[in-house]
Amino acid sequence: MENRRRAEREKTLWMSRCQVEGESSDLWQACAVFDVSSLGVGIDLPNSGPADVLLNRRITVLLELGSSVDLTVAGEIRNVESCPDGISRVGIEFVGLNDTERSIVGLLERRAASRSTGPLVAQ
């Protein structure tokens, strides 16, 4: 299988919250971030409908960095795979990150690479 990724992703497991474009603005779903790179994240997202309807939609991911710091990043869903139990495995490409957000994402990527047990890693 050909590797299509422009940046290697680092495996991780962070619990997060996500909001998909076109769904209720009040609806933030629990999701799990399973990998991260400088260009995007991979998440497992509850999805009761066909997985392909998520493709190319914008999504916002709220990363809880600690007790008083959250980071919200936006991206577009570039690939989707249906998994058992109503879960979709989603690849997200970041869109519109500013320099500060890029720096923070870089720190998150390095933390995942070093297998840190800080507050972002699920215990």
PDB file of N, CA and C in Angstrom:
ATOM      1  N   MET A   1       0.843  -1.189   0.000  1.00  0.00           N
ATOM      2  CA  MET A   1       0.000   0.000   0.000  1.00  0.00           C
ATOM      3  C   MET A   1       0.882   1.244   0.000  1.00  0.00           C
ATOM      4  N   GLU A   2       0.560   2.187  -0.824  1.00  0.00           N
ATOM      5  CA  GLU A   2       1.320   3.425  -0.957  1.00  0.00           C
ATOM      6  C   GLU A   2       1.016   4.367   0.207  1.00  0.00           C
ATOM      7  N   ASN A   3       2.060   4.984   0.770  1.00  0.00           N
ATOM      8  CA  ASN A   3       1.887   5.964   1.826  1.00  0.00           C
ATOM      9  C   ASN A   3       1.615   7.321   1.188  1.00  0.00           C
ATOM     10  N   ARG A   4       0.397   7.845   1.338  1.00  0.00           N
ATOM     11  CA  ARG A   4       0.001   9.111   0.719  1.00  0.00           C
ATOM     12  C   ARG A   4       0.287  10.301   1.611  1.00  0.00           C
ATOM     13  N   ARG A   5       0.711  10.080   2.815  1.00  0.00           N
ATOM     14  CA  ARG A   5       0.863  11.168   3.769  1.00  0.00           C
ATOM     15  C   ARG A   5       2.056  12.048   3.446  1.00  0.00           C
ATOM     16  N   ARG A   6       1.855  13.343   3.600  1.00  0.00           N
ATOM     17  CA  ARG A   6       2.928  14.316   3.389  1.00  0.00           C
ATOM     18  C   ARG A   6       3.747  14.502   4.648  1.00  0.00           C
ATOM     19  N   ALA A   7       3.234  14.058   5.793  1.00  0.00           N
ATOM     20  CA  ALA A   7       3.948  14.141   7.074  1.00  0.00           C
ATOM     21  C   ALA A   7       3.613  12.894   7.876  1.00  0.00           C
ATOM     22  N   GLU A   8       4.622  12.329   8.509  1.00  0.00           N
ATOM     23  CA  GLU A   8       4.384  11.157   9.345  1.00  0.00           C
ATOM     24  C   GLU A   8       3.578  11.561  10.570  1.00  0.00           C
ATOM     25  N   ARG A   9       2.675  10.686  10.955  1.00  0.00           N
ATOM     26  CA  ARG A   9       1.865  10.942  12.137  1.00  0.00           C
ATOM     27  C   ARG A   9       2.404  10.151  13.322  1.00  0.00           C
ATOM     28  N   GLU A  10       2.258  10.731  14.488  1.00  0.00           N
ATOM     29  CA  GLU A  10       2.687  10.095  15.727  1.00  0.00           C
ATOM     30  C   GLU A  10       1.453   9.538  16.430  1.00  0.00           C
ATOM     31  N   LYS A  11       1.550   8.281  16.845  1.00  0.00           N
ATOM     32  CA  LYS A  11       0.416   7.654  17.539  1.00  0.00           C
ATOM     33  C   LYS A  11       0.248   8.255  18.921  1.00  0.00           C
ATOM     34  N   THR A  12      -1.022   8.365  19.312  1.00  0.00           N
ATOM     35  CA  THR A  12      -1.359   8.899  20.616  1.00  0.00           C
ATOM     36  C   THR A  12      -2.761   8.434  20.980  1.00  0.00           C
ATOM     37  N   LEU A  13      -3.250   8.816  22.111  1.00  0.00           N
ATOM     38  CA  LEU A  13      -4.648   8.604  22.467  1.00  0.00           C
ATOM     39  C   LEU A  13      -5.068   9.727  23.392  1.00  0.00           C
ATOM     40  N   TRP A  14      -5.810  10.677  22.840  1.00  0.00           N
ATOM     41  CA  TRP A  14      -6.314  11.810  23.591  1.00  0.00           C
ATOM     42  C   TRP A  14      -7.825  11.846  23.445  1.00  0.00           C
ATOM     43  N   MET A  15      -8.515  12.020  24.544  1.00  0.00           N
ATOM     44  CA  MET A  15      -9.952  12.226  24.473  1.00  0.00           C
ATOM     45  C   MET A  15     -10.183  13.703  24.164  1.00  0.00           C
ATOM     46  N   SER A  16     -11.167  13.969  23.330  1.00  0.00           N
ATOM     47  CA  SER A  16     -11.387  15.318  22.843  1.00  0.00           C
ATOM     48  C   SER A  16     -12.877  15.520  22.581  1.00  0.00           C
ATOM     49  N   ARG A  17     -13.200  16.646  21.983  1.00  0.00           N
ATOM     50  CA  ARG A  17     -14.561  16.939  21.546  1.00  0.00           C
ATOM     51  C   ARG A  17     -14.491  17.469  20.125  1.00  0.00           C
ATOM     52  N   CYS A  18     -15.480  17.097  19.312  1.00  0.00           N
ATOM     53  CA  CYS A  18     -15.488  17.478  17.903  1.00  0.00           C
ATOM     54  C   CYS A  18     -16.862  17.989  17.500  1.00  0.00           C
ATOM     55  N   GLN A  19     -16.864  18.875  16.508  1.00  0.00           N
ATOM     56  CA  GLN A  19     -18.107  19.387  15.941  1.00  0.00           C
ATOM     57  C   GLN A  19     -17.972  19.381  14.418  1.00  0.00           C
ATOM     58  N   VAL A  20     -18.891  18.686  13.764  1.00  0.00           N
ATOM     59  CA  VAL A  20     -18.868  18.555  12.306  1.00  0.00           C
ATOM     60  C   VAL A  20     -19.765  19.617  11.693  1.00  0.00           C
ATOM     61  N   GLU A  21     -19.267  20.265  10.633  1.00  0.00           N
ATOM     62  CA  GLU A  21     -20.024  21.277   9.907  1.00  0.00           C
ATOM     63  C   GLU A  21     -21.387  20.719   9.482  1.00  0.00           C
ATOM     64  N   GLY A  22     -22.411  21.524   9.651  1.00  0.00           N
ATOM     65  CA  GLY A  22     -23.747  21.129   9.230  1.00  0.00           C
ATOM     66  C   GLY A  22     -24.567  20.474  10.331  1.00  0.00           C
ATOM     67  N   GLU A  23     -23.917  20.150  11.435  1.00  0.00           N
ATOM     68  CA  GLU A  23     -24.654  19.598  12.571  1.00  0.00           C
ATOM     69  C   GLU A  23     -24.942  20.730  13.541  1.00  0.00           C
ATOM     70  N   SER A  24     -25.796  20.477  14.497  1.00  0.00           N
ATOM     71  CA  SER A  24     -26.187  21.500  15.453  1.00  0.00           C
ATOM     72  C   SER A  24     -24.960  22.172  16.061  1.00  0.00           C
ATOM     73  N   SER A  25     -24.979  23.516  16.118  1.00  0.00           N
ATOM     74  CA  SER A  25     -23.838  24.245  16.671  1.00  0.00           C
ATOM     75  C   SER A  25     -23.679  23.997  18.161  1.00  0.00           C
ATOM     76  N   ASP A  26     -24.700  23.445  18.791  1.00  0.00           N
ATOM     77  CA  ASP A  26     -24.616  23.112  20.211  1.00  0.00           C
ATOM     78  C   ASP A  26     -24.073  21.706  20.440  1.00  0.00           C
ATOM     79  N   LEU A  27     -23.937  20.917  19.370  1.00  0.00           N
ATOM     80  CA  LEU A  27     -23.553  19.518  19.518  1.00  0.00           C
ATOM     81  C   LEU A  27     -22.046  19.337  19.381  1.00  0.00           C
ATOM     82  N   TRP A  28     -21.402  19.079  20.502  1.00  0.00           N
ATOM     83  CA  TRP A  28     -19.986  18.711  20.526  1.00  0.00           C
ATOM     84  C   TRP A  28     -19.953  17.245  20.924  1.00  0.00           C
ATOM     85  N   GLN A  29     -19.444  16.408  20.036  1.00  0.00           N
ATOM     86  CA  GLN A  29     -19.383  14.973  20.289  1.00  0.00           C
ATOM     87  C   GLN A  29     -18.035  14.609  20.900  1.00  0.00           C
ATOM     88  N   ALA A  30     -18.057  13.642  21.798  1.00  0.00           N
ATOM     89  CA  ALA A  30     -16.804  13.088  22.296  1.00  0.00           C
ATOM     90  C   ALA A  30     -16.132  12.362  21.136  1.00  0.00           C
ATOM     91  N   CYS A  31     -14.834  12.499  21.021  1.00  0.00           N
ATOM     92  CA  CYS A  31     -14.076  11.795  19.995  1.00  0.00           C
ATOM     93  C   CYS A  31     -12.712  11.446  20.573  1.00  0.00           C
ATOM     94  N   ALA A  32     -12.005  10.571  19.902  1.00  0.00           N
ATOM     95  CA  ALA A  32     -10.685  10.149  20.370  1.00  0.00           C
ATOM     96  C   ALA A  32      -9.663  10.443  19.283  1.00  0.00           C
ATOM     97  N   VAL A  33      -8.647  11.215  19.621  1.00  0.00           N
ATOM     98  CA  VAL A  33      -7.551  11.499  18.702  1.00  0.00           C
ATOM     99  C   VAL A  33      -6.570  10.335  18.824  1.00  0.00           C
ATOM    100  N   PHE A  34      -6.303   9.648  17.690  1.00  0.00           N
ATOM    101  CA  PHE A  34      -5.407   8.497  17.748  1.00  0.00           C
ATOM    102  C   PHE A  34      -4.055   8.754  17.101  1.00  0.00           C
ATOM    103  N   ASP A  35      -3.943   9.829  16.314  1.00  0.00           N
ATOM    104  CA  ASP A  35      -2.623  10.225  15.825  1.00  0.00           C
ATOM    105  C   ASP A  35      -2.619  11.707  15.481  1.00  0.00           C
ATOM    106  N   VAL A  36      -1.400  12.258  15.406  1.00  0.00           N
ATOM    107  CA  VAL A  36      -1.234  13.691  15.165  1.00  0.00           C
ATOM    108  C   VAL A  36       0.010  13.911  14.315  1.00  0.00           C
ATOM    109  N   SER A  37      -0.059  14.921  13.456  1.00  0.00           N
ATOM    110  CA  SER A  37       1.109  15.377  12.708  1.00  0.00           C
ATOM    111  C   SER A  37       1.006  16.888  12.584  1.00  0.00           C
ATOM    112  N   SER A  38       2.005  17.488  11.971  1.00  0.00           N
ATOM    113  CA  SER A  38       1.976  18.933  11.779  1.00  0.00           C
ATOM    114  C   SER A  38       0.865  19.356  10.822  1.00  0.00           C
ATOM    115  N   LEU A  39       0.348  18.414  10.032  1.00  0.00           N
ATOM    116  CA  LEU A  39      -0.668  18.724   9.024  1.00  0.00           C
ATOM    117  C   LEU A  39      -2.082  18.316   9.407  1.00  0.00           C
ATOM    118  N   GLY A  40      -2.243  17.474  10.440  1.00  0.00           N
ATOM    119  CA  GLY A  40      -3.588  17.036  10.779  1.00  0.00           C
ATOM    120  C   GLY A  40      -3.621  16.027  11.901  1.00  0.00           C
ATOM    121  N   VAL A  41      -4.817  15.498  12.120  1.00  0.00           N
ATOM    122  CA  VAL A  41      -5.030  14.486  13.153  1.00  0.00           C
ATOM    123  C   VAL A  41      -5.913  13.374  12.604  1.00  0.00           C
ATOM    124  N   GLY A  42      -5.827  12.229  13.232  1.00  0.00           N
ATOM    125  CA  GLY A  42      -6.743  11.135  12.975  1.00  0.00           C
ATOM    126  C   GLY A  42      -7.619  10.970  14.196  1.00  0.00           C
ATOM    127  N   ILE A  43      -8.923  10.835  13.980  1.00  0.00           N
ATOM    128  CA  ILE A  43      -9.832  10.684  15.115  1.00  0.00           C
ATOM    129  C   ILE A  43     -10.810   9.545  14.868  1.00  0.00           C
ATOM    130  N   ASP A  44     -11.315   9.007  15.958  1.00  0.00           N
ATOM    131  CA  ASP A  44     -12.459   8.106  15.937  1.00  0.00           C
ATOM    132  C   ASP A  44     -13.651   8.928  16.395  1.00  0.00           C
ATOM    133  N   LEU A  45     -14.690   8.946  15.574  1.00  0.00           N
ATOM    134  CA  LEU A  45     -15.840   9.817  15.781  1.00  0.00           C
ATOM    135  C   LEU A  45     -17.125   9.009  15.720  1.00  0.00           C
ATOM    136  N   PRO A  46     -18.003   9.138  16.721  1.00  0.00           N
ATOM    137  CA  PRO A  46     -19.297   8.471  16.618  1.00  0.00           C
ATOM    138  C   PRO A  46     -20.052   8.995  15.397  1.00  0.00           C
ATOM    139  N   ASN A  47     -20.617   8.081  14.605  1.00  0.00           N
ATOM    140  CA  ASN A  47     -21.314   8.482  13.384  1.00  0.00           C
ATOM    141  C   ASN A  47     -22.398   7.463  13.084  1.00  0.00           C
ATOM    142  N   SER A  48     -23.638   7.892  13.150  1.00  0.00           N
ATOM    143  CA  SER A  48     -24.748   6.958  12.937  1.00  0.00           C
ATOM    144  C   SER A  48     -25.114   6.799  11.465  1.00  0.00           C
ATOM    145  N   GLY A  49     -24.623   7.692  10.613  1.00  0.00           N
ATOM    146  CA  GLY A  49     -24.963   7.634   9.186  1.00  0.00           C
ATOM    147  C   GLY A  49     -23.842   7.023   8.371  1.00  0.00           C
ATOM    148  N   PRO A  50     -23.998   7.037   7.051  1.00  0.00           N
ATOM    149  CA  PRO A  50     -22.940   6.520   6.181  1.00  0.00           C
ATOM    150  C   PRO A  50     -21.673   7.362   6.343  1.00  0.00           C
ATOM    151  N   ALA A  51     -20.533   6.694   6.432  1.00  0.00           N
ATOM    152  CA  ALA A  51     -19.266   7.383   6.674  1.00  0.00           C
ATOM    153  C   ALA A  51     -18.928   8.372   5.576  1.00  0.00           C
ATOM    154  N   ASP A  52     -19.258   8.045   4.332  1.00  0.00           N
ATOM    155  CA  ASP A  52     -18.835   8.899   3.214  1.00  0.00           C
ATOM    156  C   ASP A  52     -19.491  10.277   3.213  1.00  0.00           C
ATOM    157  N   VAL A  53     -20.581  10.476   3.966  1.00  0.00           N
ATOM    158  CA  VAL A  53     -21.196  11.808   4.014  1.00  0.00           C
ATOM    159  C   VAL A  53     -20.324  12.793   4.794  1.00  0.00           C
ATOM    160  N   LEU A  54     -19.344  12.294   5.526  1.00  0.00           N
ATOM    161  CA  LEU A  54     -18.439  13.166   6.265  1.00  0.00           C
ATOM    162  C   LEU A  54     -17.318  13.726   5.395  1.00  0.00           C
ATOM    163  N   LEU A  55     -17.035  13.070   4.287  1.00  0.00           N
ATOM    164  CA  LEU A  55     -15.900  13.430   3.441  1.00  0.00           C
ATOM    165  C   LEU A  55     -15.980  14.876   2.973  1.00  0.00           C
ATOM    166  N   ASN A  56     -14.880  15.591   3.097  1.00  0.00           N
ATOM    167  CA  ASN A  56     -14.709  16.985   2.679  1.00  0.00           C
ATOM    168  C   ASN A  56     -15.476  18.004   3.516  1.00  0.00           C
ATOM    169  N   ARG A  57     -16.078  17.567   4.606  1.00  0.00           N
ATOM    170  CA  ARG A  57     -16.750  18.520   5.492  1.00  0.00           C
ATOM    171  C   ARG A  57     -15.732  19.108   6.457  1.00  0.00           C
ATOM    172  N   ARG A  58     -16.011  20.314   6.900  1.00  0.00           N
ATOM    173  CA  ARG A  58     -15.148  20.941   7.910  1.00  0.00           C
ATOM    174  C   ARG A  58     -15.490  20.365   9.271  1.00  0.00           C
ATOM    175  N   ILE A  59     -14.480  20.304  10.115  1.00  0.00           N
ATOM    176  CA  ILE A  59     -14.660  19.798  11.467  1.00  0.00           C
ATOM    177  C   ILE A  59     -13.798  20.629  12.401  1.00  0.00           C
ATOM    178  N   THR A  60     -14.308  20.852  13.588  1.00  0.00           N
ATOM    179  CA  THR A  60     -13.569  21.556  14.628  1.00  0.00           C
ATOM    180  C   THR A  60     -13.276  20.562  15.738  1.00  0.00           C
ATOM    181  N   VAL A  61     -12.030  20.554  16.193  1.00  0.00           N
ATOM    182  CA  VAL A  61     -11.612  19.644  17.256  1.00  0.00           C
ATOM    183  C   VAL A  61     -11.144  20.487  18.434  1.00  0.00           C
ATOM    184  N   LEU A  62     -11.702  20.224  19.599  1.00  0.00           N
ATOM    185  CA  LEU A  62     -11.335  20.924  20.824  1.00  0.00           C
ATOM    186  C   LEU A  62     -10.394  20.019  21.614  1.00  0.00           C
ATOM    187  N   LEU A  63      -9.136  20.426  21.698  1.00  0.00           N
ATOM    188  CA  LEU A  63      -8.132  19.679  22.462  1.00  0.00           C
ATOM    189  C   LEU A  63      -8.026  20.307  23.846  1.00  0.00           C
ATOM    190  N   GLU A  64      -8.261  19.517  24.871  1.00  0.00           N
ATOM    191  CA  GLU A  64      -8.160  20.020  26.237  1.00  0.00           C
ATOM    192  C   GLU A  64      -6.728  19.802  26.698  1.00  0.00           C
ATOM    193  N   LEU A  65      -5.976  20.891  26.814  1.00  0.00           N
ATOM    194  CA  LEU A  65      -4.552  20.810  27.096  1.00  0.00           C
ATOM    195  C   LEU A  65      -4.229  20.780  28.574  1.00  0.00           C
ATOM    196  N   GLY A  66      -5.169  21.105  29.388  1.00  0.00           N
ATOM    197  CA  GLY A  66      -4.961  21.119  30.830  1.00  0.00           C
ATOM    198  C   GLY A  66      -6.206  21.629  31.503  1.00  0.00           C
ATOM    199  N   SER A  67      -6.087  21.900  32.780  1.00  0.00           N
ATOM    200  CA  SER A  67      -7.274  22.315  33.524  1.00  0.00           C
ATOM    201  C   SER A  67      -7.770  23.700  33.119  1.00  0.00           C
ATOM    202  N   SER A  68      -6.902  24.531  32.518  1.00  0.00           N
ATOM    203  CA  SER A  68      -7.350  25.873  32.154  1.00  0.00           C
ATOM    204  C   SER A  68      -7.003  26.274  30.722  1.00  0.00           C
ATOM    205  N   VAL A  69      -6.496  25.344  29.898  1.00  0.00           N
ATOM    206  CA  VAL A  69      -6.103  25.699  28.536  1.00  0.00           C
ATOM    207  C   VAL A  69      -6.714  24.704  27.547  1.00  0.00           C
ATOM    208  N   ASP A  70      -7.429  25.235  26.565  1.00  0.00           N
ATOM    209  CA  ASP A  70      -7.983  24.433  25.476  1.00  0.00           C
ATOM    210  C   ASP A  70      -7.462  25.009  24.171  1.00  0.00           C
ATOM    211  N   LEU A  71      -7.345  24.155  23.151  1.00  0.00           N
ATOM    212  CA  LEU A  71      -6.959  24.592  21.811  1.00  0.00           C
ATOM    213  C   LEU A  71      -8.003  24.057  20.847  1.00  0.00           C
ATOM    214  N   THR A  72      -8.566  24.943  20.070  1.00  0.00           N
ATOM    215  CA  THR A  72      -9.523  24.538  19.050  1.00  0.00           C
ATOM    216  C   THR A  72      -8.849  24.666  17.699  1.00  0.00           C
ATOM    217  N   VAL A  73      -8.859  23.576  16.933  1.00  0.00           N
ATOM    218  CA  VAL A  73      -8.298  23.581  15.585  1.00  0.00           C
ATOM    219  C   VAL A  73      -9.388  23.166  14.609  1.00  0.00           C
ATOM    220  N   ALA A  74      -9.298  23.713  13.408  1.00  0.00           N
ATOM    221  CA  ALA A  74     -10.282  23.390  12.381  1.00  0.00           C
ATOM    222  C   ALA A  74      -9.585  22.697  11.231  1.00  0.00           C
ATOM    223  N   GLY A  75     -10.339  21.864  10.545  1.00  0.00           N
ATOM    224  CA  GLY A  75      -9.782  21.173   9.397  1.00  0.00           C
ATOM    225  C   GLY A  75     -10.868  20.637   8.501  1.00  0.00           C
ATOM    226  N   GLU A  76     -10.424  19.935   7.466  1.00  0.00           N
ATOM    227  CA  GLU A  76     -11.348  19.286   6.546  1.00  0.00           C
ATOM    228  C   GLU A  76     -11.119  17.782   6.592  1.00  0.00           C
ATOM    229  N   ILE A  77     -12.205  17.054   6.555  1.00  0.00           N
ATOM    230  CA  ILE A  77     -12.138  15.597   6.584  1.00  0.00           C
ATOM    231  C   ILE A  77     -11.702  15.129   5.197  1.00  0.00           C
ATOM    232  N   ARG A  78     -10.532  14.505   5.142  1.00  0.00           N
ATOM    233  CA  ARG A  78      -9.951  14.085   3.866  1.00  0.00           C
ATOM    234  C   ARG A  78     -10.142  12.596   3.585  1.00  0.00           C
ATOM    235  N   ASN A  79     -10.317  11.798   4.630  1.00  0.00           N
ATOM    236  CA  ASN A  79     -10.635  10.384   4.406  1.00  0.00           C
ATOM    237  C   ASN A  79     -11.438   9.850   5.576  1.00  0.00           C
ATOM    238  N   VAL A  80     -12.261   8.851   5.281  1.00  0.00           N
ATOM    239  CA  VAL A  80     -13.167   8.274   6.270  1.00  0.00           C
ATOM    240  C   VAL A  80     -13.226   6.773   6.061  1.00  0.00           C
ATOM    241  N   GLU A  81     -13.243   6.044   7.155  1.00  0.00           N
ATOM    242  CA  GLU A  81     -13.384   4.593   7.114  1.00  0.00           C
ATOM    243  C   GLU A  81     -14.409   4.187   8.166  1.00  0.00           C
ATOM    244  N   SER A  82     -15.383   3.382   7.778  1.00  0.00           N
ATOM    245  CA  SER A  82     -16.371   2.880   8.732  1.00  0.00           C
ATOM    246  C   SER A  82     -15.744   1.804   9.601  1.00  0.00           C
ATOM    247  N   CYS A  83     -16.028   1.870  10.883  1.00  0.00           N
ATOM    248  CA  CYS A  83     -15.554   0.882  11.844  1.00  0.00           C
ATOM    249  C   CYS A  83     -16.774   0.311  12.574  1.00  0.00           C
ATOM    250  N   PRO A  84     -16.588  -0.757  13.318  1.00  0.00           N
ATOM    251  CA  PRO A  84     -17.723  -1.334  14.056  1.00  0.00           C
ATOM    252  C   PRO A  84     -18.300  -0.363  15.093  1.00  0.00           C
ATOM    253  N   ASP A  85     -19.478  -0.657  15.530  1.00  0.00           N
ATOM    254  CA  ASP A  85     -20.145   0.066  16.614  1.00  0.00           C
ATOM    255  C   ASP A  85     -20.448   1.527  16.317  1.00  0.00           C
ATOM    256  N   GLY A  86     -20.705   1.876  15.041  1.00  0.00           N
ATOM    257  CA  GLY A  86     -21.094   3.230  14.704  1.00  0.00           C
ATOM    258  C   GLY A  86     -19.978   4.255  14.812  1.00  0.00           C
ATOM    259  N   ILE A  87     -18.757   3.825  14.666  1.00  0.00           N
ATOM    260  CA  ILE A  87     -17.599   4.717  14.736  1.00  0.00           C
ATOM    261  C   ILE A  87     -17.039   4.916  13.326  1.00  0.00           C
ATOM    262  N   SER A  88     -16.653   6.131  13.017  1.00  0.00           N
ATOM    263  CA  SER A  88     -15.940   6.418  11.768  1.00  0.00           C
ATOM    264  C   SER A  88     -14.526   6.841  12.125  1.00  0.00           C
ATOM    265  N   ARG A  89     -13.553   6.256  11.456  1.00  0.00           N
ATOM    266  CA  ARG A  89     -12.148   6.647  11.599  1.00  0.00           C
ATOM    267  C   ARG A  89     -11.905   7.721  10.550  1.00  0.00           C
ATOM    268  N   VAL A  90     -11.530   8.915  10.993  1.00  0.00           N
ATOM    269  CA  VAL A  90     -11.513  10.092  10.152  1.00  0.00           C
ATOM    270  C   VAL A  90     -10.110  10.703  10.124  1.00  0.00           C
ATOM    271  N   GLY A  91      -9.633  11.026   8.920  1.00  0.00           N
ATOM    272  CA  GLY A  91      -8.386  11.759   8.754  1.00  0.00           C
ATOM    273  C   GLY A  91      -8.697  13.204   8.454  1.00  0.00           C
ATOM    274  N   ILE A  92      -8.135  14.095   9.256  1.00  0.00           N
ATOM    275  CA  ILE A  92      -8.431  15.523   9.159  1.00  0.00           C
ATOM    276  C   ILE A  92      -7.166  16.280   8.786  1.00  0.00           C
ATOM    277  N   GLU A  93      -7.287  17.151   7.789  1.00  0.00           N
ATOM    278  CA  GLU A  93      -6.197  18.052   7.425  1.00  0.00           C
ATOM    279  C   GLU A  93      -6.492  19.418   8.030  1.00  0.00           C
ATOM    280  N   PHE A  94      -5.536  19.958   8.814  1.00  0.00           N
ATOM    281  CA  PHE A  94      -5.733  21.277   9.408  1.00  0.00           C
ATOM    282  C   PHE A  94      -5.898  22.331   8.325  1.00  0.00           C
ATOM    283  N   VAL A  95      -6.745  23.333   8.614  1.00  0.00           N
ATOM    284  CA  VAL A  95      -6.978  24.450   7.701  1.00  0.00           C
ATOM    285  C   VAL A  95      -6.889  25.737   8.507  1.00  0.00           C
ATOM    286  N   GLY A  96      -6.091  26.665   8.029  1.00  0.00           N
ATOM    287  CA  GLY A  96      -6.062  28.001   8.612  1.00  0.00           C
ATOM    288  C   GLY A  96      -5.401  28.134   9.965  1.00  0.00           C
ATOM    289  N   LEU A  97      -4.415  27.289  10.283  1.00  0.00           N
ATOM    290  CA  LEU A  97      -3.719  27.456  11.549  1.00  0.00           C
ATOM    291  C   LEU A  97      -2.831  28.698  11.485  1.00  0.00           C
ATOM    292  N   ASN A  98      -2.831  29.470  12.563  1.00  0.00           N
ATOM    293  CA  ASN A  98      -1.903  30.599  12.623  1.00  0.00           C
ATOM    294  C   ASN A  98      -0.565  30.102  13.174  1.00  0.00           C
ATOM    295  N   ASP A  99       0.423  30.971  13.246  1.00  0.00           N
ATOM    296  CA  ASP A  99       1.763  30.564  13.674  1.00  0.00           C
ATOM    297  C   ASP A  99       1.771  29.991  15.086  1.00  0.00           C
ATOM    298  N   THR A 100       1.016  30.594  15.981  1.00  0.00           N
ATOM    299  CA  THR A 100       0.958  30.112  17.362  1.00  0.00           C
ATOM    300  C   THR A 100       0.353  28.715  17.415  1.00  0.00           C
ATOM    301  N   GLU A 101      -0.746  28.508  16.706  1.00  0.00           N
ATOM    302  CA  GLU A 101      -1.381  27.185  16.681  1.00  0.00           C
ATOM    303  C   GLU A 101      -0.454  26.142  16.064  1.00  0.00           C
ATOM    304  N   ARG A 102       0.260  26.510  14.991  1.00  0.00           N
ATOM    305  CA  ARG A 102       1.219  25.583  14.380  1.00  0.00           C
ATOM    306  C   ARG A 102       2.304  25.177  15.372  1.00  0.00           C
ATOM    307  N   SER A 103       2.778  26.146  16.148  1.00  0.00           N
ATOM    308  CA  SER A 103       3.796  25.861  17.161  1.00  0.00           C
ATOM    309  C   SER A 103       3.261  24.910  18.224  1.00  0.00           C
ATOM    310  N   ILE A 104       2.027  25.141  18.647  1.00  0.00           N
ATOM    311  CA  ILE A 104       1.421  24.275  19.667  1.00  0.00           C
ATOM    312  C   ILE A 104       1.208  22.875  19.107  1.00  0.00           C
ATOM    313  N   VAL A 105       0.738  22.769  17.882  1.00  0.00           N
ATOM    314  CA  VAL A 105       0.560  21.458  17.253  1.00  0.00           C
ATOM    315  C   VAL A 105       1.912  20.747  17.161  1.00  0.00           C
ATOM    316  N   GLY A 106       2.972  21.481  16.837  1.00  0.00           N
ATOM    317  CA  GLY A 106       4.303  20.894  16.811  1.00  0.00           C
ATOM    318  C   GLY A 106       4.710  20.345  18.163  1.00  0.00           C
ATOM    319  N   LEU A 107       4.394  21.072  19.231  1.00  0.00           N
ATOM    320  CA  LEU A 107       4.674  20.583  20.585  1.00  0.00           C
ATOM    321  C   LEU A 107       3.880  19.312  20.881  1.00  0.00           C
ATOM    322  N   LEU A 108       2.618  19.290  20.472  1.00  0.00           N
ATOM    323  CA  LEU A 108       1.785  18.104  20.685  1.00  0.00           C
ATOM    324  C   LEU A 108       2.350  16.907  19.929  1.00  0.00           C
ATOM    325  N   GLU A 109       2.810  17.153  18.722  1.00  0.00           N
ATOM    326  CA  GLU A 109       3.388  16.084  17.910  1.00  0.00           C
ATOM    327  C   GLU A 109       4.656  15.537  18.574  1.00  0.00           C
ATOM    328  N   ARG A 110       5.508  16.424  19.080  1.00  0.00           N
ATOM    329  CA  ARG A 110       6.726  15.972  19.764  1.00  0.00           C
ATOM    330  C   ARG A 110       6.396  15.232  21.049  1.00  0.00           C
ATOM    331  N   ARG A 111       5.369  15.688  21.755  1.00  0.00           N
ATOM    332  CA  ARG A 111       4.958  15.008  22.987  1.00  0.00           C
ATOM    333  C   ARG A 111       4.487  13.588  22.672  1.00  0.00           C
ATOM    334  N   ALA A 112       3.706  13.452  21.613  1.00  0.00           N
ATOM    335  CA  ALA A 112       3.231  12.119  21.222  1.00  0.00           C
ATOM    336  C   ALA A 112       4.415  11.238  20.822  1.00  0.00           C
ATOM    337  N   ALA A 113       5.377  11.808  20.117  1.00  0.00           N
ATOM    338  CA  ALA A 113       6.540  11.044  19.662  1.00  0.00           C
ATOM    339  C   ALA A 113       7.383  10.554  20.834  1.00  0.00           C
ATOM    340  N   SER A 114       7.427  11.330  21.876  1.00  0.00           N
ATOM    341  CA  SER A 114       8.233  10.939  23.021  1.00  0.00           C
ATOM    342  C   SER A 114       7.468  10.051  24.013  1.00  0.00           C
ATOM    343  N   ARG A 115       6.203   9.783  23.681  1.00  0.00           N
ATOM    344  CA  ARG A 115       5.354   8.939  24.532  1.00  0.00           C
ATOM    345  C   ARG A 115       5.221   9.488  25.955  1.00  0.00           C
ATOM    346  N   SER A 116       5.082  10.810  26.028  1.00  0.00           N
ATOM    347  CA  SER A 116       4.929  11.479  27.309  1.00  0.00           C
ATOM    348  C   SER A 116       3.669  10.992  28.015  1.00  0.00           C
ATOM    349  N   THR A 117       3.693  11.020  29.321  1.00  0.00           N
ATOM    350  CA  THR A 117       2.509  10.660  30.111  1.00  0.00           C
ATOM    351  C   THR A 117       1.889  11.890  30.728  1.00  0.00           C
ATOM    352  N   GLY A 118       2.031  13.039  30.059  1.00  0.00           N
ATOM    353  CA  GLY A 118       1.453  14.288  30.547  1.00  0.00           C
ATOM    354  C   GLY A 118      -0.065  14.256  30.467  1.00  0.00           C
ATOM    355  N   PRO A 119      -0.732  15.366  30.739  1.00  0.00           N
ATOM    356  CA  PRO A 119      -2.189  15.399  30.841  1.00  0.00           C
ATOM    357  C   PRO A 119      -2.925  15.084  29.542  1.00  0.00           C
ATOM    358  N   LEU A 120      -2.262  15.154  28.380  1.00  0.00           N
ATOM    359  CA  LEU A 120      -2.966  14.889  27.130  1.00  0.00           C
ATOM    360  C   LEU A 120      -3.085  13.412  26.807  1.00  0.00           C
ATOM    361  N   VAL A 121      -2.279  12.587  27.421  1.00  0.00           N
ATOM    362  CA  VAL A 121      -2.290  11.172  27.103  1.00  0.00           C
ATOM    363  C   VAL A 121      -3.298  10.468  27.991  1.00  0.00           C
ATOM    364  N   ALA A 122      -4.184   9.700  27.366  1.00  0.00           N
ATOM    365  CA  ALA A 122      -5.205   8.973  28.135  1.00  0.00           C
ATOM    366  C   ALA A 122      -4.530   7.994  29.076  1.00  0.00           C
ATOM    367  N   GLN A 123      -4.987   7.950  30.293  1.00  0.00           N
ATOM    368  CA  GLN A 123      -4.415   7.059  31.308  1.00  0.00           C
ATOM    369  C   GLN A 123      -5.167   5.751  31.353  1.00  0.00           C
TER     370      GLN A 123
END
